[in-house]
Amino acid sequence: MARSTPDQRGVPYFAAFLDLLNKKIVVVGGGKVATTKVRALLPCRPAPLLVVAPRVSGPIRRAAEAGQLLWLGREYADGDLDGAALAFGASDDTELNARVAADARRLGIPVLAVDDVPNCDFIAPALVRRGDVTIAISTGGRSPAMARRTRERLEHELPRYWGDLLDVAAEARDRLGATRSLIEAERWQPALDGEVERLTESGLLGEAADVLVRKLERSLFEPADFEPADFEPADFELESTRTPPSPQPSPRGRGGFVSPQPSPRGRGGFVSLVGAGPGDPELLTLRAVQRLQAADVVVHDRLVGLRVLEHAAPGAECIDVGKTPGGGGPTQTEINALLVELGRQGRRVVRLKGGDPFVFGRGGEEALALSRAGVPFEIVPGISSALAAPAAAGIPVTHRGLSASLTVVNGHDADQHDWSALARSAGTLVFLMAVEHLEEIVDRLVSHGRPADEPAAVVQWATTPRQRTVSAPLRDIADVARSEGLEPPAVLVVGPTVALSRALREAPEATPFPTTTTTTAVLAGAHG
């Protein structure tokens, strides 16, 4: 019966997965919408899958030629629905779709008429698949666009190895046999955590299944209040027999550096030193999102935005250890100690640092502290603002004929640099943490021979809606930045490629970054 009144339209649909194997399914229509339905139906192996339309798309035609479906190259006619389990009115003709719906309901066949909720007995959801893991998304027919948007968000956030993790769980279930009925259901979730998931992500499915089976079998002999995360398989090895391997890249080259050291005191903690990128949450890496979703604790810097932290698991504890420009906040020694202690508590920790953890992020110091304490850790690289800020402002850091090198410089401590070498460099210079020292940086570069009229730019809050860019000759860039009120966080870019930014911005339909507001300020008398 059609949903014809507002109160009926508000009633939710019952979610279910249908077995269509060897059942007759009819799709009326051969265009784009019908092609989408056919693609979703083919893996379910209906027989026959009948498509009725005078003309069809290339994919439908090829599927018919391959014997995967039956195409009737004519108009829809009475009798086409006889014996069908489901029917789809998927043509571009709304009247034809309504006729298909009426015929199907008369025959007692569930029917879907595209973009016509009153003529739908069911809704085909948007799908996210990871192997046999299938997530179905529906908006109750109210907005297919929102269903697609939700699917795209889940596609981005759900780990690619999730289907492999299902295979590991299914294999463990089969191997346990009758024993699995003795294992409490709540033991499975913590057993799948930690080493099992890490091995699965690395493609070591057999080893992951072995570990999972051992964990579950062990749970039969543990008290009800035992925390499974407290132990890993290595706990049952004699301490004297362990020989920790040297730190090495993760298996199959997936991801960054991993230190496979055993955790002290037999705990199962693990610390991920994760680069949060330049600010835009859409520039997080997939691995960064996965680590945030699995974290018990997120230890983050001051400049990590709330939209980035939204990727953390709902129950995750977030600890702000950011340092303020005036020097407030925890010391690096205190942060190192916090990471070690959280790891020793057996917790999954994400140390979230703006940009890349190893580019002026003191990630190396934290990695050394974890290594010396025997806490296992990994490095998850991020996009450094040294690259992202110029790109977001439309400034190539290298360009044939203009710049063949890039030097990234810490702008905070001028005395540690060889200014003669920086001034002689023919490539692009990018200064991080430079705003508070712009005048000194400019004076040192010019006094050591860098051309005073060389193009320069300061990019503030790169890749975020607050982004601002000012440009001027090198000798004037400090005054321009001050007059425009630019403050940290900002990046200084010096070099001939800065001049390309205006050309890129003025090119037809060119937008270097969609959320960038760019201000070009050149003082009177300045040239370039």
Protein backbone atom coordinates (compact mmCIF):
# COMPACT_ATOMS: atom_id res chain seq x y z
CA MET A 1 0.00 0.00 0.00
CA ALA A 2 1.35 3.44 -0.95
CA ARG A 3 2.50 5.90 1.72
CA SER A 4 0.15 8.75 0.93
CA THR A 5 -0.14 10.78 4.16
CA PRO A 6 2.53 12.62 6.19
CA ASP A 7 2.11 10.36 9.23
CA GLN A 8 2.64 7.27 7.05
CA ARG A 9 5.77 8.72 5.45
CA GLY A 10 7.33 9.11 8.88
CA VAL A 11 7.08 5.39 9.67
CA PRO A 12 10.55 3.81 9.41
CA TYR A 13 11.38 1.03 6.98
CA PHE A 14 12.35 -2.40 8.25
CA ALA A 15 15.95 -3.13 7.31
CA ALA A 16 16.63 -6.58 5.87
CA PHE A 17 18.97 -8.38 3.44
CA LEU A 18 17.16 -10.48 0.84
CA ASP A 19 18.32 -13.78 -0.64
CA LEU A 20 17.80 -13.40 -4.40
CA LEU A 21 19.73 -16.48 -5.49
CA ASN A 22 17.92 -18.16 -8.45
CA LYS A 23 14.89 -15.86 -8.11
CA LYS A 24 13.33 -13.94 -11.00
CA ILE A 25 13.97 -10.19 -10.77
CA VAL A 26 12.59 -7.73 -13.30
CA VAL A 27 14.10 -4.31 -14.06
CA VAL A 28 12.10 -2.07 -16.38
CA GLY A 29 14.39 0.53 -17.95
CA GLY A 30 17.82 0.59 -19.54
CA GLY A 31 19.36 3.94 -18.66
CA LYS A 32 21.66 5.18 -15.91
CA VAL A 33 19.34 4.38 -12.99
CA ALA A 34 18.54 0.91 -14.33
CA THR A 35 22.28 0.28 -14.81
CA THR A 36 22.90 1.13 -11.16
CA LYS A 37 20.21 -1.34 -10.06
CA VAL A 38 21.55 -4.07 -12.36
CA ARG A 39 25.09 -3.64 -11.05
CA ALA A 40 23.82 -4.03 -7.49
CA LEU A 41 21.72 -7.09 -8.40
CA LEU A 42 24.24 -9.09 -10.44
CA PRO A 43 26.42 -10.22 -7.49
CA CYS A 44 23.28 -11.64 -5.83
CA ARG A 45 22.91 -14.08 -8.78
CA PRO A 46 19.18 -13.86 -9.46
CA ALA A 47 17.94 -16.15 -12.23
CA PRO A 48 16.68 -14.87 -14.43
CA LEU A 49 17.55 -11.17 -14.08
CA LEU A 50 15.21 -9.74 -16.70
CA VAL A 51 15.75 -6.24 -18.15
CA VAL A 52 12.92 -4.84 -20.26
CA ALA A 53 13.71 -1.76 -22.38
CA PRO A 54 13.98 -0.93 -26.10
CA ARG A 55 17.48 0.48 -25.56
CA VAL A 56 20.01 -0.19 -22.80
CA SER A 57 23.37 1.09 -21.64
CA GLY A 58 26.67 -0.48 -22.63
CA PRO A 59 27.14 -2.26 -19.27
CA ILE A 60 23.68 -3.86 -19.49
CA ARG A 61 24.26 -4.89 -23.11
CA ARG A 62 27.62 -6.48 -22.23
CA ALA A 63 26.12 -8.31 -19.25
CA ALA A 64 23.42 -9.69 -21.55
CA GLU A 65 26.02 -10.81 -24.09
CA ALA A 66 27.93 -12.54 -21.28
CA GLY A 67 24.79 -14.45 -20.24
CA GLN A 68 24.53 -12.68 -16.87
CA LEU A 69 21.02 -11.38 -17.57
CA LEU A 70 18.18 -11.59 -20.09
CA TRP A 71 17.43 -8.42 -22.07
CA LEU A 72 14.08 -8.01 -23.80
CA GLY A 73 14.65 -5.23 -26.33
CA ARG A 74 11.10 -3.93 -26.44
CA GLU A 75 8.58 -1.92 -24.45
CA TYR A 76 7.27 -3.25 -21.14
CA ALA A 77 4.22 -5.50 -21.58
CA ASP A 78 1.64 -7.40 -19.53
CA GLY A 79 3.02 -10.70 -18.29
CA ASP A 80 6.62 -9.50 -17.90
CA LEU A 81 6.28 -9.63 -14.10
CA ASP A 82 4.78 -13.10 -13.88
CA GLY A 83 6.67 -15.22 -11.36
CA ALA A 84 8.95 -12.37 -10.26
CA ALA A 85 10.19 -12.07 -6.67
CA LEU A 86 10.96 -8.34 -7.01
CA ALA A 87 10.29 -5.63 -9.59
CA PHE A 88 12.02 -2.33 -10.33
CA GLY A 89 10.47 0.55 -12.24
CA ALA A 90 13.78 2.14 -13.20
CA SER A 91 13.07 3.95 -16.44
CA ASP A 92 13.19 7.70 -17.10
CA ASP A 93 9.40 7.67 -17.59
CA THR A 94 7.60 8.22 -14.26
CA GLU A 95 4.28 7.10 -15.73
CA LEU A 96 5.78 3.82 -16.89
CA ASN A 97 7.37 3.30 -13.45
CA ALA A 98 3.99 3.91 -11.81
CA ARG A 99 2.38 1.38 -14.17
CA VAL A 100 5.02 -1.21 -13.23
CA ALA A 101 4.29 -0.50 -9.54
CA ALA A 102 0.55 -0.92 -10.02
CA ASP A 103 0.99 -4.20 -11.92
CA ALA A 104 3.41 -5.55 -9.32
CA ARG A 105 1.12 -4.73 -6.41
CA ARG A 106 -1.80 -6.39 -8.18
CA LEU A 107 0.32 -9.54 -8.45
CA GLY A 108 1.59 -9.26 -4.85
CA ILE A 109 5.18 -8.57 -5.96
CA PRO A 110 7.25 -6.09 -3.91
CA VAL A 111 8.21 -3.17 -6.15
CA LEU A 112 10.51 -0.16 -6.22
CA ALA A 113 9.74 2.81 -8.49
CA VAL A 114 12.72 5.13 -8.56
CA ASP A 115 12.28 8.58 -6.97
CA ASP A 116 8.63 7.80 -6.23
CA VAL A 117 8.23 6.84 -2.57
CA PRO A 118 4.44 6.29 -2.69
CA ASN A 119 5.06 3.63 -5.36
CA CYS A 120 7.79 1.83 -3.41
CA ASP A 121 7.30 -1.21 -1.19
CA PHE A 122 11.00 -1.17 -0.35
CA ILE A 123 14.02 1.07 -0.80
CA ALA A 124 17.37 0.00 -2.25
CA PRO A 125 19.96 1.40 0.14
CA ALA A 126 23.34 2.88 -0.63
CA LEU A 127 25.97 0.25 0.17
CA VAL A 128 29.45 0.19 1.62
CA ARG A 129 31.22 -3.15 1.15
CA ARG A 130 34.36 -4.57 2.64
CA GLY A 131 34.38 -8.18 1.47
CA ASP A 132 31.32 -9.79 3.04
CA VAL A 133 30.87 -6.89 5.46
CA THR A 134 28.02 -4.84 4.00
CA ILE A 135 26.65 -1.60 5.44
CA ALA A 136 23.29 -0.47 4.06
CA ILE A 137 22.32 3.22 4.23
CA SER A 138 18.82 4.60 3.82
CA THR A 139 17.22 8.00 4.30
CA GLY A 140 13.69 6.64 4.07
CA GLY A 141 13.50 7.84 0.49
CA ARG A 142 13.80 11.47 1.60
CA SER A 143 17.19 12.28 0.08
CA PRO A 144 19.23 9.94 -2.14
CA ALA A 145 21.93 12.63 -2.15
CA MET A 146 22.31 12.33 1.63
CA ALA A 147 22.46 8.55 1.34
CA ARG A 148 25.30 8.92 -1.18
CA ARG A 149 27.06 11.46 1.03
CA THR A 150 26.84 9.13 4.02
CA ARG A 151 28.18 6.28 1.91
CA GLU A 152 31.12 8.39 0.75
CA ARG A 153 31.92 9.35 4.35
CA LEU A 154 31.85 5.72 5.46
CA GLU A 155 33.93 4.67 2.45
CA HIS A 156 36.57 7.10 3.63
CA GLU A 157 36.49 6.12 7.29
CA LEU A 158 35.89 2.35 7.31
CA PRO A 159 39.26 0.55 7.09
CA ARG A 160 39.91 -1.29 3.83
CA TYR A 161 40.97 -4.41 5.72
CA TRP A 162 37.59 -4.74 7.48
CA GLY A 163 36.52 -7.55 5.18
CA ASP A 164 39.79 -9.35 5.89
CA LEU A 165 39.09 -9.00 9.62
CA LEU A 166 35.74 -10.71 9.02
CA ASP A 167 37.57 -13.57 7.28
CA VAL A 168 39.87 -13.88 10.30
CA ALA A 169 36.91 -13.95 12.71
CA ALA A 170 35.04 -16.49 10.56
CA GLU A 171 38.08 -18.76 10.34
CA ALA A 172 38.55 -18.60 14.11
CA ARG A 173 34.87 -19.41 14.59
CA ASP A 174 35.16 -22.48 12.38
CA ARG A 175 38.34 -23.68 14.08
CA LEU A 176 36.81 -23.36 17.53
CA GLY A 177 33.99 -25.68 16.51
CA ALA A 178 31.78 -26.73 19.39
CA THR A 179 34.05 -24.87 21.81
CA ARG A 180 32.73 -21.51 20.63
CA SER A 181 29.41 -22.08 22.41
CA LEU A 182 31.35 -21.98 25.70
CA ILE A 183 32.95 -18.60 24.95
CA GLU A 184 31.07 -15.57 26.21
CA ALA A 185 29.97 -13.27 23.38
CA GLU A 186 31.54 -10.19 24.96
CA ARG A 187 34.99 -11.83 24.75
CA TRP A 188 35.12 -11.46 20.97
CA GLN A 189 35.43 -7.67 20.78
CA PRO A 190 38.54 -7.27 22.97
CA ALA A 191 40.02 -10.39 21.38
CA LEU A 192 39.77 -8.80 17.92
CA ASP A 193 41.55 -5.66 19.17
CA GLY A 194 45.26 -5.03 19.29
CA GLU A 195 47.52 -7.60 17.68
CA VAL A 196 44.75 -9.36 15.73
CA GLU A 197 43.74 -6.18 13.97
CA ARG A 198 47.33 -5.09 13.37
CA LEU A 199 48.24 -8.45 11.81
CA THR A 200 45.12 -8.34 9.64
CA GLU A 201 45.91 -4.83 8.43
CA SER A 202 49.39 -6.06 7.48
CA GLY A 203 47.90 -8.89 5.40
CA LEU A 204 48.99 -11.67 7.79
CA LEU A 205 45.55 -13.28 8.02
CA GLY A 206 46.72 -16.76 9.05
CA GLU A 207 48.76 -15.38 11.93
CA ALA A 208 45.87 -13.12 12.95
CA ALA A 209 43.51 -16.12 13.08
CA ASP A 210 46.03 -18.09 15.18
CA VAL A 211 46.28 -15.25 17.70
CA LEU A 212 42.50 -14.81 17.83
CA VAL A 213 41.90 -18.51 18.49
CA ARG A 214 44.48 -18.50 21.29
CA LYS A 215 42.93 -15.44 22.89
CA LEU A 216 39.44 -16.92 22.80
CA GLU A 217 40.56 -20.31 24.08
CA ARG A 218 42.42 -18.60 26.90
CA SER A 219 39.27 -16.69 27.88
CA LEU A 220 37.68 -20.00 28.94
CA PHE A 221 40.06 -20.08 31.92
CA GLU A 222 39.82 -16.42 32.93
CA PRO A 223 37.55 -14.95 35.63
CA ALA A 224 34.55 -12.95 34.48
CA ASP A 225 36.09 -9.60 35.45
CA PHE A 226 39.37 -10.27 33.58
CA GLU A 227 40.34 -7.61 31.04
CA PRO A 228 41.49 -9.45 27.89
CA ALA A 229 43.37 -6.40 26.61
CA ASP A 230 45.85 -6.83 29.48
CA PHE A 231 47.53 -9.76 27.72
CA GLU A 232 48.96 -10.50 24.31
CA PRO A 233 50.19 -13.90 23.04
CA ALA A 234 53.77 -12.94 23.91
CA ASP A 235 52.77 -12.91 27.60
CA PHE A 236 53.03 -16.68 27.67
CA GLU A 237 56.61 -16.72 26.41
CA LEU A 238 59.40 -16.84 28.98
CA GLU A 239 61.00 -13.43 29.36
CA SER A 240 64.46 -14.97 29.02
CA THR A 241 63.56 -16.52 25.64
CA ARG A 242 62.44 -13.29 24.02
CA THR A 243 64.78 -11.57 21.63
CA PRO A 244 63.06 -8.37 20.46
CA PRO A 245 63.66 -7.85 16.74
CA SER A 246 65.22 -4.65 15.52
CA PRO A 247 62.75 -1.93 14.53
CA GLN A 248 61.84 -2.33 10.88
CA PRO A 249 59.27 -1.16 8.36
CA SER A 250 55.81 -2.65 8.75
CA PRO A 251 55.01 -5.79 6.66
CA ARG A 252 54.26 -5.35 2.95
CA GLY A 253 55.37 -1.73 3.16
CA ARG A 254 51.95 -0.56 4.34
CA GLY A 255 52.12 2.55 6.46
CA GLY A 256 55.10 3.96 8.28
CA PHE A 257 57.80 2.85 10.68
CA VAL A 258 56.74 0.31 13.32
CA SER A 259 58.70 -0.67 16.41
CA PRO A 260 57.68 -4.27 17.26
CA GLN A 261 59.12 -4.21 20.77
CA PRO A 262 57.17 -6.10 23.44
CA SER A 263 55.38 -3.85 25.86
CA PRO A 264 56.74 -3.80 29.43
CA ARG A 265 55.05 -5.65 32.25
CA GLY A 266 53.17 -7.79 29.72
CA ARG A 267 50.73 -5.01 28.84
CA GLY A 268 49.18 -4.62 25.42
CA GLY A 269 49.60 -0.87 24.96
CA PHE A 270 50.54 0.70 21.63
CA VAL A 271 51.30 4.32 20.70
CA SER A 272 50.74 5.76 17.22
CA LEU A 273 52.61 9.00 16.49
CA VAL A 274 50.20 10.43 13.94
CA GLY A 275 50.52 13.44 11.66
CA ALA A 276 47.27 15.42 11.65
CA GLY A 277 48.11 17.28 8.46
CA PRO A 278 47.88 21.04 7.89
CA GLY A 279 44.39 21.61 9.30
CA ASP A 280 41.72 20.51 6.83
CA PRO A 281 40.27 17.22 8.19
CA GLU A 282 39.83 15.96 4.62
CA LEU A 283 43.63 15.96 4.29
CA LEU A 284 44.05 13.37 7.05
CA THR A 285 45.47 10.10 5.79
CA LEU A 286 43.28 7.00 5.86
CA ARG A 287 45.63 5.42 8.39
CA ALA A 288 45.36 8.48 10.65
CA VAL A 289 41.56 8.18 10.62
CA GLN A 290 41.75 4.45 11.35
CA ARG A 291 44.06 5.01 14.31
CA LEU A 292 41.79 7.72 15.71
CA GLN A 293 38.75 5.47 15.42
CA ALA A 294 40.50 2.72 17.37
CA ALA A 295 42.12 4.90 20.05
CA ASP A 296 41.45 4.78 23.77
CA VAL A 297 43.32 8.05 24.30
CA VAL A 298 44.18 10.93 21.95
CA VAL A 299 47.03 13.17 23.08
CA HIS A 300 46.88 16.20 20.80
CA ASP A 301 48.52 19.54 20.11
CA ARG A 302 46.82 22.92 20.50
CA LEU A 303 46.37 23.52 16.78
CA VAL A 304 44.59 20.23 16.06
CA GLY A 305 41.04 21.28 15.18
CA LEU A 306 37.78 19.93 16.58
CA ARG A 307 36.77 18.57 13.16
CA VAL A 308 39.90 16.41 13.16
CA LEU A 309 39.19 15.19 16.70
CA GLU A 310 35.65 14.24 15.65
CA HIS A 311 37.20 11.18 13.97
CA ALA A 312 38.14 9.80 17.40
CA ALA A 313 36.02 7.03 18.90
CA PRO A 314 33.08 8.38 20.97
CA GLY A 315 34.54 7.03 24.21
CA ALA A 316 38.12 8.14 23.60
CA GLU A 317 39.77 10.40 26.16
CA CYS A 318 41.25 13.55 24.57
CA ILE A 319 44.19 15.22 26.31
CA ASP A 320 45.36 18.65 25.12
CA VAL A 321 49.13 18.99 25.61
CA GLY A 322 49.54 21.93 23.26
CA LYS A 323 52.07 24.65 23.94
CA THR A 324 50.97 28.28 23.65
CA PRO A 325 53.11 30.87 21.85
CA GLY A 326 54.10 32.30 25.24
CA GLY A 327 55.59 28.98 26.32
CA GLY A 328 52.72 27.67 28.46
CA GLY A 329 51.62 24.04 28.55
CA PRO A 330 53.39 20.78 29.41
CA THR A 331 57.10 20.44 28.73
CA GLN A 332 58.31 17.92 26.16
CA THR A 333 59.71 15.80 28.97
CA GLU A 334 56.26 15.70 30.59
CA ILE A 335 54.63 14.75 27.29
CA ASN A 336 57.15 11.95 26.77
CA ALA A 337 56.44 10.62 30.26
CA LEU A 338 52.67 10.77 29.66
CA LEU A 339 52.95 8.72 26.46
CA VAL A 340 55.10 6.11 28.17
CA GLU A 341 52.73 5.82 31.11
CA LEU A 342 49.62 5.50 28.90
CA GLY A 343 51.35 2.82 26.84
CA ARG A 344 52.32 0.93 29.97
CA GLN A 345 48.68 1.02 31.09
CA GLY A 346 47.86 -1.14 28.05
CA ARG A 347 45.98 1.60 26.21
CA ARG A 348 45.83 2.34 22.51
CA VAL A 349 47.22 5.86 22.25
CA VAL A 350 47.23 8.31 19.35
CA ARG A 351 49.72 11.13 19.71
CA LEU A 352 48.20 13.59 17.24
CA LYS A 353 50.55 16.28 15.97
CA GLY A 354 49.89 18.99 13.40
CA GLY A 355 51.53 18.43 10.04
CA ASP A 356 54.01 15.55 10.07
CA PRO A 357 55.33 14.26 13.42
CA PHE A 358 58.93 14.25 12.16
CA VAL A 359 58.95 17.75 10.60
CA PHE A 360 59.67 20.12 13.48
CA GLY A 361 57.13 18.19 15.53
CA ARG A 362 59.55 16.68 18.05
CA GLY A 363 58.19 13.29 17.11
CA GLY A 364 61.70 11.89 17.07
CA GLU A 365 62.12 12.73 20.77
CA GLU A 366 58.84 11.00 21.61
CA ALA A 367 59.75 7.95 19.54
CA LEU A 368 63.09 7.66 21.34
CA ALA A 369 61.40 7.96 24.73
CA LEU A 370 58.94 5.18 23.83
CA SER A 371 61.71 3.00 22.43
CA ARG A 372 63.86 3.38 25.55
CA ALA A 373 60.86 2.54 27.75
CA GLY A 374 60.04 -0.58 25.69
CA VAL A 375 56.61 0.70 24.63
CA PRO A 376 55.74 -0.40 21.06
CA PHE A 377 54.94 2.44 18.68
CA GLU A 378 54.52 3.36 15.04
CA ILE A 379 54.93 6.46 12.92
CA VAL A 380 51.97 7.55 10.77
CA PRO A 381 53.21 10.31 8.42
CA GLY A 382 51.09 13.38 7.77
CA ILE A 383 51.06 16.18 5.21
CA SER A 384 53.44 18.87 6.44
CA SER A 385 52.37 22.51 6.25
CA ALA A 386 55.77 23.09 4.61
CA LEU A 387 54.22 21.57 1.49
CA ALA A 388 50.50 22.10 2.08
CA ALA A 389 50.60 25.84 2.84
CA PRO A 390 52.35 26.88 -0.39
CA ALA A 391 50.15 24.50 -2.41
CA ALA A 392 46.98 25.86 -0.79
CA ALA A 393 48.08 29.37 -1.79
CA GLY A 394 48.81 28.30 -5.36
CA ILE A 395 52.60 28.40 -4.92
CA PRO A 396 54.57 25.50 -6.44
CA VAL A 397 57.63 24.87 -4.28
CA THR A 398 59.50 23.55 -7.32
CA HIS A 399 59.04 24.54 -10.96
CA ARG A 400 61.19 23.77 -13.98
CA GLY A 401 63.42 26.71 -14.79
CA LEU A 402 62.62 28.55 -11.55
CA SER A 403 63.31 26.30 -8.58
CA ALA A 404 64.94 22.87 -8.52
CA SER A 405 65.20 22.54 -4.73
CA LEU A 406 63.25 23.11 -1.53
CA THR A 407 64.68 23.96 1.88
CA VAL A 408 62.46 23.74 4.95
CA VAL A 409 63.70 25.94 7.76
CA ASN A 410 62.79 26.37 11.43
CA GLY A 411 62.04 30.07 11.73
CA HIS A 412 62.01 30.04 15.52
CA ASP A 413 65.76 30.08 16.23
CA ALA A 414 67.75 32.19 13.78
CA ASP A 415 71.14 31.47 15.29
CA GLN A 416 71.17 27.79 14.32
CA HIS A 417 71.19 28.39 10.54
CA ASP A 418 73.87 29.04 7.94
CA TRP A 419 72.37 32.20 6.48
CA SER A 420 75.00 32.50 3.77
CA ALA A 421 74.01 29.07 2.44
CA LEU A 422 70.30 29.92 2.63
CA ALA A 423 70.82 33.22 0.84
CA ARG A 424 72.87 31.55 -1.94
CA SER A 425 70.27 28.82 -2.49
CA ALA A 426 68.58 29.18 -5.85
CA GLY A 427 65.57 27.16 -4.73
CA THR A 428 62.50 27.84 -2.62
CA LEU A 429 62.78 28.51 1.11
CA VAL A 430 59.90 27.61 3.42
CA PHE A 431 60.10 28.86 7.00
CA LEU A 432 57.87 27.26 9.63
CA MET A 433 57.11 29.03 12.95
CA ALA A 434 58.37 32.22 11.36
CA VAL A 435 55.77 34.95 11.97
CA GLU A 436 57.21 36.18 15.27
CA HIS A 437 60.67 36.50 13.68
CA LEU A 438 59.85 37.83 10.19
CA GLU A 439 61.94 40.98 10.47
CA GLU A 440 65.03 39.09 11.63
CA ILE A 441 64.64 36.42 8.93
CA VAL A 442 64.31 39.05 6.19
CA ASP A 443 67.29 41.05 7.51
CA ARG A 444 69.53 37.99 7.66
CA LEU A 445 68.59 36.77 4.18
CA VAL A 446 69.03 40.18 2.52
CA SER A 447 72.24 41.00 4.39
CA HIS A 448 73.74 37.70 3.25
CA GLY A 449 72.89 38.32 -0.39
CA ARG A 450 69.32 37.12 -1.04
CA PRO A 451 67.71 39.50 -3.59
CA ALA A 452 65.59 42.07 -1.74
CA ASP A 453 63.03 42.11 -4.54
CA GLU A 454 62.57 38.34 -4.62
CA PRO A 455 58.90 37.32 -4.32
CA ALA A 456 57.75 36.22 -0.84
CA ALA A 457 54.47 35.26 0.78
CA VAL A 458 53.04 34.49 4.21
CA VAL A 459 50.24 31.91 4.40
CA GLN A 460 48.19 31.84 7.62
CA TRP A 461 45.91 28.96 8.74
CA ALA A 462 46.63 27.08 5.53
CA THR A 463 43.93 24.74 4.11
CA THR A 464 41.29 25.93 6.58
CA PRO A 465 38.37 28.36 6.09
CA ARG A 466 40.49 30.95 7.94
CA GLN A 467 43.31 30.85 5.39
CA ARG A 468 44.82 34.18 4.37
CA THR A 469 47.77 34.86 2.09
CA VAL A 470 49.76 38.07 1.65
CA SER A 471 52.60 38.54 -0.83
CA ALA A 472 55.25 41.19 -1.42
CA PRO A 473 58.93 41.53 -2.29
CA LEU A 474 61.15 39.98 0.35
CA ARG A 475 62.29 43.34 1.75
CA ASP A 476 58.65 44.34 2.40
CA ILE A 477 56.99 41.06 3.41
CA ALA A 478 57.37 41.61 7.18
CA ASP A 479 55.74 45.04 7.03
CA VAL A 480 52.93 43.77 4.80
CA ALA A 481 52.24 40.80 7.09
CA ARG A 482 52.17 43.06 10.16
CA SER A 483 49.85 45.59 8.49
CA GLU A 484 47.47 42.78 7.52
CA GLY A 485 47.46 41.47 11.10
CA LEU A 486 48.81 37.99 10.31
CA GLU A 487 49.64 35.91 13.38
CA PRO A 488 50.67 32.30 14.02
CA PRO A 489 50.17 29.72 12.68
CA ALA A 490 51.68 30.87 9.43
CA VAL A 491 54.34 29.87 6.91
CA LEU A 492 56.81 32.12 5.10
CA VAL A 493 57.65 31.19 1.50
CA VAL A 494 60.57 32.84 -0.31
CA GLY A 495 61.56 32.22 -3.92
CA PRO A 496 60.74 32.93 -7.55
CA THR A 497 57.86 30.41 -7.65
CA VAL A 498 55.83 32.68 -5.34
CA ALA A 499 55.19 34.87 -8.38
CA LEU A 500 53.28 32.00 -10.02
CA SER A 501 50.54 32.21 -7.41
CA ARG A 502 48.87 35.23 -9.02
CA ALA A 503 48.94 33.62 -12.47
CA LEU A 504 47.35 30.45 -11.09
CA ARG A 505 44.65 32.39 -9.23
CA GLU A 506 43.82 34.46 -12.31
CA ALA A 507 43.62 31.48 -14.65
CA PRO A 508 40.06 30.71 -15.84
CA GLU A 509 38.14 28.52 -13.39
CA ALA A 510 41.30 27.99 -11.30
CA THR A 511 40.97 27.81 -7.53
CA PRO A 512 44.14 26.65 -5.73
CA PHE A 513 42.12 25.73 -2.65
CA PRO A 514 38.34 26.09 -2.27
CA THR A 515 38.42 27.61 1.21
CA THR A 516 41.26 30.07 0.56
CA THR A 517 40.78 33.80 0.88
CA THR A 518 43.86 35.38 -0.67
CA THR A 519 44.98 38.96 -0.13
CA THR A 520 47.87 40.25 -2.23
CA ALA A 521 49.44 43.35 -0.74
CA VAL A 522 52.38 45.15 -2.35
CA LEU A 523 53.72 48.33 -0.77
CA ALA A 524 54.09 51.46 -2.84
CA GLY A 525 57.32 51.42 -4.77
CA ALA A 526 57.73 47.68 -4.45
CA HIS A 527 58.07 45.71 -7.64
CA GLY A 528 57.42 42.02 -8.54
